[in-house]
Amino acid sequence: MSAIDRFQFTPDLNICRVLNGMWQVSGAHGPIAPKKAIESMFAYTDAGFTTWDLADHYGPAEDFIGEFRRELVARRGTEALQNLQAFTKWVPRPGKMTLDIVEKNIDISLRRMDVDSLDLLQFHWWDYRDKNYLDALYFLAELQGKGKIKHLALTNFDTEHLKIITGAGVKIVSNQVQFSLIDRRPLVKMVDFCKEHNIYLLAYGTVTGGLFSAKYLNHPEPGFVSLNTASLRKYKNMIDAWGGWKLFQQLLGVLKPIADRYHVSMPNVAVRYVLEQPMVAGAIVGTRLGVSEHIAENKKVFDFQLSPEDHQKINSVLDKSRDLFQAIGDCGDEYRK
């Protein structure tokens, strides 16, 4: 059995370094059966994958957390809840923010998740030109003072606005950003700022929706029809921006022998690479609850470390790619153009 690697994220939150991503229950990845989903959540938790990443707009994700908590108490008692961490997001439409608006939305998440206080609230804002995001964060901090939120975080904010927010006195513990072998934009500016201010990164997109897989090695470039989930379509577009399918094949060709040498999978190597980057507290790997499970495979992420030679071989391909920071901008800028 692999030893699950954990991380002291905050003084009161010790998390699994591979987080269970719940975007896959949003409806954009096919149907999810609720009862099967809850049983799958037990399997992940029992294996040591106790940390869940979700959002208010990920379909029934918050409801699943609430139901899972109730089932956990019914089967194992309230003490079992101490081993569970659930990180949600609030993604409002830009516009005027008041305490009443903010509190009503946070109260919805509290009810759906069946908690008195949110472990981590990750805030996203679509339009930087609308400065009301600072008001929203001030009100979230006020709710934190009331005990409704334990910790405040961001998702898909760039370095410039992370500076503005911390400069305004809002205590942020993490920023969730896309970070993978093909998207290394956080290394340009974000990581250095996070080091200075003790802000961690939660990385998503680490396995590019499943494209970092032996299934796609020596595979013809997939068309739209075969890209049958939102994740596959999203990350195929990112590969196109990064350097295209031919270069991606070169990268897969380098990852395969590395994976074979450690007796792990290619997605394991992709996740391991991100976990070894500075300020990364955890990597989010999507879970298609009740449909497919990768528990045993995900555990292997903790069985090995990449050698300097591994990094050299990987970088020999990555150095041929386009500069995504120049092409797209800083972290999260793809959502605001």
Protein backbone atom coordinates (compact mmCIF):
# COMPACT_ATOMS: atom_id res chain seq x y z
CA MET A 1 0.00 0.00 0.00
CA SER A 2 1.25 3.45 -0.88
CA ALA A 3 1.71 5.95 1.92
CA ILE A 4 -0.58 8.91 1.26
CA ASP A 5 1.39 12.14 1.23
CA ARG A 6 -0.27 14.83 3.31
CA PHE A 7 0.38 18.53 3.73
CA GLN A 8 -0.20 20.92 6.63
CA PHE A 9 -2.14 23.43 4.57
CA THR A 10 -3.18 25.61 7.50
CA PRO A 11 -2.74 25.05 11.25
CA ASP A 12 -6.15 23.35 11.35
CA LEU A 13 -6.27 21.72 7.88
CA ASN A 14 -4.08 18.76 7.03
CA ILE A 15 -4.87 17.76 3.45
CA CYS A 16 -4.16 14.95 1.02
CA ARG A 17 -1.80 16.25 -1.67
CA VAL A 18 -4.00 14.73 -4.37
CA LEU A 19 -7.41 16.37 -4.08
CA ASN A 20 -10.56 14.80 -5.47
CA GLY A 21 -11.89 17.17 -8.12
CA MET A 22 -15.67 17.30 -8.45
CA TRP A 23 -16.04 19.27 -11.70
CA GLN A 24 -16.85 15.89 -13.24
CA VAL A 25 -20.24 15.77 -11.47
CA SER A 26 -21.31 19.10 -13.00
CA GLY A 27 -23.09 17.48 -15.95
CA ALA A 28 -20.43 18.28 -18.55
CA HIS A 29 -18.86 14.81 -18.24
CA GLY A 30 -21.94 12.60 -18.47
CA PRO A 31 -24.56 11.46 -15.95
CA ILE A 32 -23.71 10.65 -12.33
CA ALA A 33 -25.88 8.36 -10.18
CA PRO A 34 -26.10 9.95 -6.69
CA LYS A 35 -26.12 6.71 -4.65
CA LYS A 36 -23.17 5.30 -6.55
CA ALA A 37 -21.39 8.65 -6.17
CA ILE A 38 -21.75 8.60 -2.38
CA GLU A 39 -20.40 5.04 -2.16
CA SER A 40 -17.49 6.07 -4.35
CA MET A 41 -16.78 8.95 -1.97
CA PHE A 42 -16.46 6.41 0.85
CA ALA A 43 -13.96 4.43 -1.23
CA TYR A 44 -11.80 7.48 -1.91
CA THR A 45 -11.92 8.63 1.70
CA ASP A 46 -11.12 5.17 3.07
CA ALA A 47 -8.09 5.03 0.78
CA GLY A 48 -6.79 8.29 2.29
CA PHE A 49 -8.05 10.71 -0.37
CA THR A 50 -9.93 12.83 2.15
CA THR A 51 -9.78 16.26 0.50
CA TRP A 52 -12.46 17.37 -1.97
CA ASP A 53 -12.44 20.30 -4.38
CA LEU A 54 -15.80 21.59 -5.59
CA ALA A 55 -17.79 24.72 -6.36
CA ASP A 56 -21.24 26.21 -6.02
CA HIS A 57 -21.76 25.76 -9.78
CA TYR A 58 -20.51 22.17 -10.11
CA GLY A 59 -24.01 20.75 -10.35
CA PRO A 60 -24.83 18.70 -7.22
CA ALA A 61 -21.25 18.70 -5.86
CA GLU A 62 -22.06 20.64 -2.69
CA ASP A 63 -25.15 18.47 -2.14
CA PHE A 64 -23.02 15.34 -2.48
CA ILE A 65 -20.72 16.64 0.26
CA GLY A 66 -23.73 17.24 2.51
CA GLU A 67 -25.14 13.77 1.87
CA PHE A 68 -21.75 12.15 2.32
CA ARG A 69 -21.28 13.90 5.64
CA ARG A 70 -24.67 12.66 6.86
CA GLU A 71 -23.91 9.10 5.71
CA LEU A 72 -20.49 9.25 7.33
CA VAL A 73 -22.00 10.24 10.68
CA ALA A 74 -24.74 7.59 10.39
CA ARG A 75 -22.24 4.81 9.71
CA ARG A 76 -19.22 5.86 11.73
CA GLY A 77 -20.13 8.64 14.14
CA THR A 78 -19.39 12.35 14.21
CA GLU A 79 -15.68 11.82 14.89
CA ALA A 80 -15.30 10.54 11.32
CA LEU A 81 -15.95 14.07 10.06
CA GLN A 82 -12.60 15.18 11.46
CA ASN A 83 -10.85 13.38 8.59
CA LEU A 84 -12.82 15.17 5.85
CA GLN A 85 -11.88 18.42 4.08
CA ALA A 86 -14.16 20.06 1.51
CA PHE A 87 -13.03 23.15 -0.40
CA THR A 88 -15.76 24.95 -2.31
CA LYS A 89 -15.85 28.04 -4.52
CA TRP A 90 -18.09 31.04 -4.90
CA VAL A 91 -18.28 32.32 -8.47
CA PRO A 92 -20.68 35.29 -8.53
CA ARG A 93 -21.62 37.43 -11.49
CA PRO A 94 -19.77 40.72 -11.28
CA GLY A 95 -21.79 43.63 -9.97
CA LYS A 96 -22.49 45.52 -6.78
CA MET A 97 -21.63 43.50 -3.69
CA THR A 98 -23.26 43.94 -0.29
CA LEU A 99 -22.89 41.93 2.91
CA ASP A 100 -26.43 40.65 2.40
CA ILE A 101 -25.69 39.37 -1.11
CA VAL A 102 -22.45 37.71 -0.07
CA GLU A 103 -23.85 36.18 3.11
CA LYS A 104 -26.92 34.75 1.38
CA ASN A 105 -24.71 32.97 -1.13
CA ILE A 106 -22.37 31.61 1.51
CA ASP A 107 -25.37 30.44 3.53
CA ILE A 108 -26.53 28.44 0.51
CA SER A 109 -23.22 26.58 0.42
CA LEU A 110 -23.33 26.01 4.18
CA ARG A 111 -26.79 24.46 3.90
CA ARG A 112 -25.99 22.35 0.87
CA MET A 113 -22.77 21.01 2.40
CA ASP A 114 -24.39 20.59 5.83
CA VAL A 115 -21.62 22.46 7.66
CA ASP A 116 -21.47 25.32 10.14
CA SER A 117 -18.28 26.70 8.62
CA LEU A 118 -16.66 26.28 5.20
CA ASP A 119 -13.16 24.79 5.42
CA LEU A 120 -11.97 26.89 2.49
CA LEU A 121 -13.88 29.35 0.32
CA GLN A 122 -12.17 29.90 -3.04
CA PHE A 123 -13.36 33.11 -4.66
CA HIS A 124 -13.44 33.74 -8.40
CA TRP A 125 -14.27 36.97 -10.26
CA TRP A 126 -14.86 37.15 -13.99
CA ASP A 127 -14.11 40.80 -14.77
CA TYR A 128 -11.19 42.72 -13.26
CA ARG A 129 -12.60 45.96 -14.67
CA ASP A 130 -15.38 45.65 -12.11
CA LYS A 131 -13.63 46.53 -8.85
CA ASN A 132 -16.46 45.17 -6.72
CA TYR A 133 -14.38 42.02 -6.23
CA LEU A 134 -12.60 43.83 -3.39
CA ASP A 135 -15.91 44.57 -1.67
CA ALA A 136 -16.87 40.91 -2.04
CA LEU A 137 -13.61 39.87 -0.40
CA TYR A 138 -14.03 42.36 2.44
CA PHE A 139 -17.48 40.92 3.14
CA LEU A 140 -16.14 37.37 2.91
CA ALA A 141 -13.52 38.34 5.48
CA GLU A 142 -16.32 39.68 7.67
CA LEU A 143 -18.11 36.33 7.39
CA GLN A 144 -14.84 34.65 8.26
CA GLY A 145 -14.82 36.73 11.42
CA LYS A 146 -18.33 35.45 12.17
CA GLY A 147 -17.09 31.86 11.84
CA LYS A 148 -18.94 30.99 8.64
CA ILE A 149 -15.66 30.58 6.71
CA LYS A 150 -12.44 29.16 8.14
CA HIS A 151 -10.06 30.25 5.40
CA LEU A 152 -10.25 32.51 2.34
CA ALA A 153 -8.66 31.60 -0.97
CA LEU A 154 -8.83 32.52 -4.64
CA THR A 155 -9.20 30.66 -7.89
CA ASN A 156 -7.78 31.79 -11.24
CA PHE A 157 -6.54 35.19 -10.09
CA ASP A 158 -3.39 36.51 -11.76
CA THR A 159 -0.33 37.77 -9.90
CA GLU A 160 -1.17 41.45 -10.38
CA HIS A 161 -4.58 41.11 -8.73
CA LEU A 162 -3.26 38.77 -6.07
CA LYS A 163 -0.93 41.64 -5.14
CA ILE A 164 -3.84 44.09 -5.04
CA ILE A 165 -5.88 41.80 -2.80
CA THR A 166 -3.09 41.05 -0.32
CA GLY A 167 -2.13 44.73 -0.36
CA ALA A 168 -5.69 45.56 0.64
CA GLY A 169 -5.21 43.50 3.79
CA VAL A 170 -7.23 40.41 2.81
CA LYS A 171 -5.57 37.25 4.14
CA ILE A 172 -5.44 34.66 1.35
CA VAL A 173 -4.11 31.15 1.99
CA SER A 174 -4.14 29.77 -1.57
CA ASN A 175 -4.85 30.39 -5.23
CA GLN A 176 -6.17 27.60 -7.44
CA VAL A 177 -4.64 27.76 -10.91
CA GLN A 178 -4.04 25.64 -13.96
CA PHE A 179 -0.60 24.06 -13.59
CA SER A 180 0.68 21.15 -15.63
CA LEU A 181 3.51 19.95 -17.82
CA ILE A 182 2.04 21.97 -20.68
CA ASP A 183 0.94 24.97 -18.62
CA ARG A 184 3.81 26.22 -16.50
CA ARG A 185 2.68 29.85 -16.36
CA PRO A 186 2.63 29.89 -12.53
CA LEU A 187 6.44 29.61 -12.60
CA VAL A 188 6.82 32.96 -14.40
CA LYS A 189 5.51 35.33 -11.70
CA MET A 190 3.00 33.62 -9.42
CA VAL A 191 5.34 31.28 -7.55
CA ASP A 192 7.76 34.03 -6.49
CA PHE A 193 4.94 36.21 -5.15
CA CYS A 194 3.41 33.25 -3.32
CA LYS A 195 6.77 32.47 -1.70
CA GLU A 196 7.00 36.02 -0.38
CA HIS A 197 3.49 35.95 1.08
CA ASN A 198 3.16 32.31 2.16
CA ILE A 199 0.33 31.61 -0.27
CA TYR A 200 0.01 28.08 -1.59
CA LEU A 201 -1.10 26.90 -5.00
CA LEU A 202 -3.72 24.25 -5.70
CA ALA A 203 -3.12 22.94 -9.20
CA TYR A 204 -5.75 21.73 -11.64
CA GLY A 205 -5.42 20.44 -15.19
CA THR A 206 -2.46 18.29 -14.12
CA VAL A 207 -3.52 15.30 -16.25
CA THR A 208 -5.09 17.45 -19.01
CA GLY A 209 -8.48 15.81 -18.65
CA GLY A 210 -6.98 12.37 -19.27
CA LEU A 211 -4.89 13.21 -22.35
CA PHE A 212 -1.68 12.46 -20.43
CA SER A 213 -2.30 8.76 -20.93
CA ALA A 214 -0.81 5.79 -22.73
CA LYS A 215 -4.14 5.63 -24.57
CA TYR A 216 -3.14 8.72 -26.56
CA LEU A 217 0.49 7.76 -27.23
CA ASN A 218 0.95 7.21 -30.98
CA HIS A 219 -2.71 8.11 -31.36
CA PRO A 220 -3.97 10.20 -34.29
CA GLU A 221 -5.01 13.69 -33.34
CA PRO A 222 -8.52 13.35 -31.87
CA GLY A 223 -11.38 15.21 -33.45
CA PHE A 224 -14.20 17.02 -31.67
CA VAL A 225 -16.53 14.01 -31.67
CA SER A 226 -14.07 11.77 -29.82
CA LEU A 227 -13.37 14.49 -27.27
CA ASN A 228 -16.53 13.56 -25.42
CA THR A 229 -16.08 15.40 -22.13
CA ALA A 230 -15.68 19.07 -21.26
CA SER A 231 -12.24 18.28 -19.82
CA LEU A 232 -10.96 16.62 -22.99
CA ARG A 233 -12.15 19.51 -25.14
CA LYS A 234 -10.75 22.14 -22.80
CA TYR A 235 -7.28 20.62 -22.52
CA LYS A 236 -7.01 19.67 -26.19
CA ASN A 237 -7.41 23.39 -26.88
CA MET A 238 -4.65 24.07 -24.37
CA ILE A 239 -2.38 21.54 -26.11
CA ASP A 240 -3.05 23.30 -29.41
CA ALA A 241 -2.02 26.62 -27.88
CA TRP A 242 1.04 25.04 -26.24
CA GLY A 243 2.54 23.43 -29.31
CA GLY A 244 0.12 21.07 -31.01
CA TRP A 245 -0.47 17.36 -31.18
CA LYS A 246 2.86 16.45 -32.80
CA LEU A 247 4.86 18.03 -29.98
CA PHE A 248 2.47 16.52 -27.43
CA GLN A 249 3.30 13.09 -28.90
CA GLN A 250 6.97 13.81 -28.27
CA LEU A 251 6.16 14.62 -24.65
CA LEU A 252 4.14 11.43 -24.22
CA GLY A 253 7.04 9.52 -25.77
CA VAL A 254 9.34 10.87 -23.06
CA LEU A 255 6.87 10.24 -20.23
CA LYS A 256 6.24 6.59 -21.11
CA PRO A 257 9.73 5.21 -20.31
CA ILE A 258 9.88 7.34 -17.16
CA ALA A 259 6.57 5.88 -16.02
CA ASP A 260 7.68 2.36 -16.90
CA ARG A 261 10.90 2.72 -14.92
CA TYR A 262 8.98 3.60 -11.75
CA HIS A 263 6.16 1.11 -12.46
CA VAL A 264 3.60 3.88 -12.47
CA SER A 265 1.29 5.43 -15.07
CA MET A 266 1.91 8.42 -17.32
CA PRO A 267 -0.72 10.47 -15.44
CA ASN A 268 1.21 9.65 -12.24
CA VAL A 269 4.33 11.21 -13.76
CA ALA A 270 2.37 14.30 -14.85
CA VAL A 271 0.93 14.79 -11.36
CA ARG A 272 4.27 14.09 -9.67
CA TYR A 273 5.91 16.78 -11.79
CA VAL A 274 3.43 19.40 -10.55
CA LEU A 275 3.62 18.28 -6.91
CA GLU A 276 7.37 18.82 -7.01
CA GLN A 277 7.00 22.45 -8.09
CA PRO A 278 7.48 25.24 -5.50
CA MET A 279 4.49 26.39 -3.42
CA VAL A 280 2.20 23.63 -4.75
CA ALA A 281 0.25 22.25 -1.80
CA GLY A 282 -1.80 19.83 -3.83
CA ALA A 283 -2.88 18.69 -7.27
CA ILE A 284 -6.54 18.24 -8.15
CA VAL A 285 -7.40 15.07 -10.06
CA GLY A 286 -10.93 14.70 -11.35
CA THR A 287 -13.16 11.96 -9.99
CA ARG A 288 -16.03 10.56 -12.09
CA LEU A 289 -17.84 9.28 -9.02
CA GLY A 290 -19.57 5.96 -9.51
CA VAL A 291 -18.47 5.81 -13.15
CA SER A 292 -14.73 5.13 -13.05
CA GLU A 293 -12.24 5.06 -10.21
CA HIS A 294 -8.49 5.56 -10.21
CA ILE A 295 -7.83 5.12 -6.50
CA ALA A 296 -5.08 2.50 -6.76
CA GLU A 297 -3.43 4.37 -9.63
CA ASN A 298 -3.59 7.75 -7.87
CA LYS A 299 -1.88 6.26 -4.81
CA LYS A 300 1.20 5.50 -6.90
CA VAL A 301 1.87 9.24 -7.21
CA PHE A 302 3.38 9.00 -3.74
CA ASP A 303 5.66 6.05 -4.53
CA PHE A 304 8.41 7.90 -6.40
CA GLN A 305 10.18 11.17 -7.09
CA LEU A 306 11.43 12.43 -10.42
CA SER A 307 15.20 12.50 -10.82
CA PRO A 308 17.22 15.38 -12.29
CA GLU A 309 17.65 13.20 -15.39
CA ASP A 310 13.86 12.82 -15.65
CA HIS A 311 13.43 16.57 -15.48
CA GLN A 312 16.12 17.07 -18.10
CA LYS A 313 14.40 14.70 -20.52
CA ILE A 314 11.00 16.31 -19.93
CA ASN A 315 12.42 19.80 -20.33
CA SER A 316 14.03 18.83 -23.63
CA VAL A 317 10.49 18.67 -25.03
CA LEU A 318 8.95 21.48 -23.02
CA ASP A 319 11.64 23.87 -24.25
CA LYS A 320 10.29 23.44 -27.79
CA SER A 321 6.80 24.66 -26.88
CA ARG A 322 5.25 28.08 -27.23
CA ASP A 323 5.44 30.50 -24.32
CA LEU A 324 1.90 30.35 -22.93
CA PHE A 325 2.56 33.32 -20.66
CA GLN A 326 3.20 35.42 -23.75
CA ALA A 327 0.40 33.80 -25.77
CA ILE A 328 -2.35 33.78 -23.12
CA GLY A 329 -1.18 35.85 -20.18
CA ASP A 330 -0.81 35.07 -16.51
CA CYS A 331 -2.78 32.46 -14.59
CA GLY A 332 -6.52 32.72 -15.21
CA ASP A 333 -6.24 35.26 -18.03
CA GLU A 334 -7.81 32.74 -20.43
CA TYR A 335 -11.10 33.25 -18.59
CA ARG A 336 -11.10 37.01 -19.07
CA LYS A 337 -10.49 37.46 -22.79
